[in-house]
Amino acid sequence: MIKFILPIAIFIAAVYGISYFWTNSSLKGKKTIALSLIVTFIIGISLITYLIID
């Protein structure tokens, strides 16, 4: 059960955190957030795939 709840909880926390920091950052900060968002989603998709297959 934790295999499905943990990735969903991490995704929800990431969405709220990103929206908070996005509204309070400059243009350079938004570029950094976008880059880290891409990396985070790649890691997240890999983690979800690993947990479902395992």
C-alpha atoms as a PDB file:
ATOM      1  CA  MET A   1       0.000   0.000   0.000  1.00  0.00           C
ATOM      2  CA  ILE A   2       2.893   2.347   0.709  1.00  0.00           C
ATOM      3  CA  LYS A   3       4.065   1.748  -2.869  1.00  0.00           C
ATOM      4  CA  PHE A   4       1.113   3.794  -4.093  1.00  0.00           C
ATOM      5  CA  ILE A   5       0.577   6.296  -1.267  1.00  0.00           C
ATOM      6  CA  LEU A   6       4.174   7.515  -0.967  1.00  0.00           C
ATOM      7  CA  PRO A   7       4.596   8.676  -4.596  1.00  0.00           C
ATOM      8  CA  ILE A   8       1.198  10.390  -4.525  1.00  0.00           C
ATOM      9  CA  ALA A   9       2.048  12.199  -1.280  1.00  0.00           C
ATOM     10  CA  ILE A  10       5.406  13.306  -2.670  1.00  0.00           C
ATOM     11  CA  PHE A  11       3.716  14.589  -5.829  1.00  0.00           C
ATOM     12  CA  ILE A  12       1.134  16.611  -3.886  1.00  0.00           C
ATOM     13  CA  ALA A  13       3.825  18.110  -1.633  1.00  0.00           C
ATOM     14  CA  ALA A  14       5.923  18.993  -4.689  1.00  0.00           C
ATOM     15  CA  VAL A  15       3.008  20.749  -6.389  1.00  0.00           C
ATOM     16  CA  TYR A  16       2.235  22.889  -3.343  1.00  0.00           C
ATOM     17  CA  GLY A  17       5.905  23.686  -2.751  1.00  0.00           C
ATOM     18  CA  ILE A  18       6.560  24.629  -6.355  1.00  0.00           C
ATOM     19  CA  SER A  19       3.500  26.864  -6.559  1.00  0.00           C
ATOM     20  CA  TYR A  20       4.539  28.650  -3.361  1.00  0.00           C
ATOM     21  CA  PHE A  21       8.131  29.257  -4.472  1.00  0.00           C
ATOM     22  CA  TRP A  22       7.064  30.129  -8.049  1.00  0.00           C
ATOM     23  CA  THR A  23       4.929  33.057  -6.877  1.00  0.00           C
ATOM     24  CA  ASN A  24       7.727  34.400  -4.658  1.00  0.00           C
ATOM     25  CA  SER A  25      10.704  34.185  -7.026  1.00  0.00           C
ATOM     26  CA  SER A  26      12.384  36.298  -9.686  1.00  0.00           C
ATOM     27  CA  LEU A  27      12.983  35.346 -13.320  1.00  0.00           C
ATOM     28  CA  LYS A  28      16.292  33.634 -12.505  1.00  0.00           C
ATOM     29  CA  GLY A  29      14.609  31.766  -9.664  1.00  0.00           C
ATOM     30  CA  LYS A  30      11.833  30.624 -11.966  1.00  0.00           C
ATOM     31  CA  LYS A  31      14.385  29.202 -14.409  1.00  0.00           C
ATOM     32  CA  THR A  32      16.048  27.323 -11.560  1.00  0.00           C
ATOM     33  CA  ILE A  33      12.697  26.024 -10.360  1.00  0.00           C
ATOM     34  CA  ALA A  34      11.803  24.866 -13.877  1.00  0.00           C
ATOM     35  CA  LEU A  35      15.092  22.988 -14.246  1.00  0.00           C
ATOM     36  CA  SER A  36      14.795  21.337 -10.850  1.00  0.00           C
ATOM     37  CA  LEU A  37      11.164  20.501 -11.634  1.00  0.00           C
ATOM     38  CA  ILE A  38      12.214  18.598 -14.747  1.00  0.00           C
ATOM     39  CA  VAL A  39      14.860  16.656 -12.806  1.00  0.00           C
ATOM     40  CA  THR A  40      12.427  15.923  -9.978  1.00  0.00           C
ATOM     41  CA  PHE A  41       9.782  14.570 -12.322  1.00  0.00           C
ATOM     42  CA  ILE A  42      12.302  12.316 -14.060  1.00  0.00           C
ATOM     43  CA  ILE A  43      13.423  10.937 -10.703  1.00  0.00           C
ATOM     44  CA  GLY A  44       9.824  10.617  -9.541  1.00  0.00           C
ATOM     45  CA  ILE A  45       8.720   8.726 -12.630  1.00  0.00           C
ATOM     46  CA  SER A  46      11.696   6.398 -12.264  1.00  0.00           C
ATOM     47  CA  LEU A  47      10.894   5.819  -8.596  1.00  0.00           C
ATOM     48  CA  ILE A  48       7.228   5.113  -9.291  1.00  0.00           C
ATOM     49  CA  THR A  49       8.136   2.692 -12.069  1.00  0.00           C
ATOM     50  CA  TYR A  50      10.624   0.898  -9.820  1.00  0.00           C
ATOM     51  CA  LEU A  51       8.155   0.618  -6.929  1.00  0.00           C
ATOM     52  CA  ILE A  52       5.344  -0.683  -9.118  1.00  0.00           C
ATOM     53  CA  ILE A  53       7.519  -3.246 -10.929  1.00  0.00           C
ATOM     54  CA  ASP A  54       9.262  -4.432  -7.757  1.00  0.00           C
END
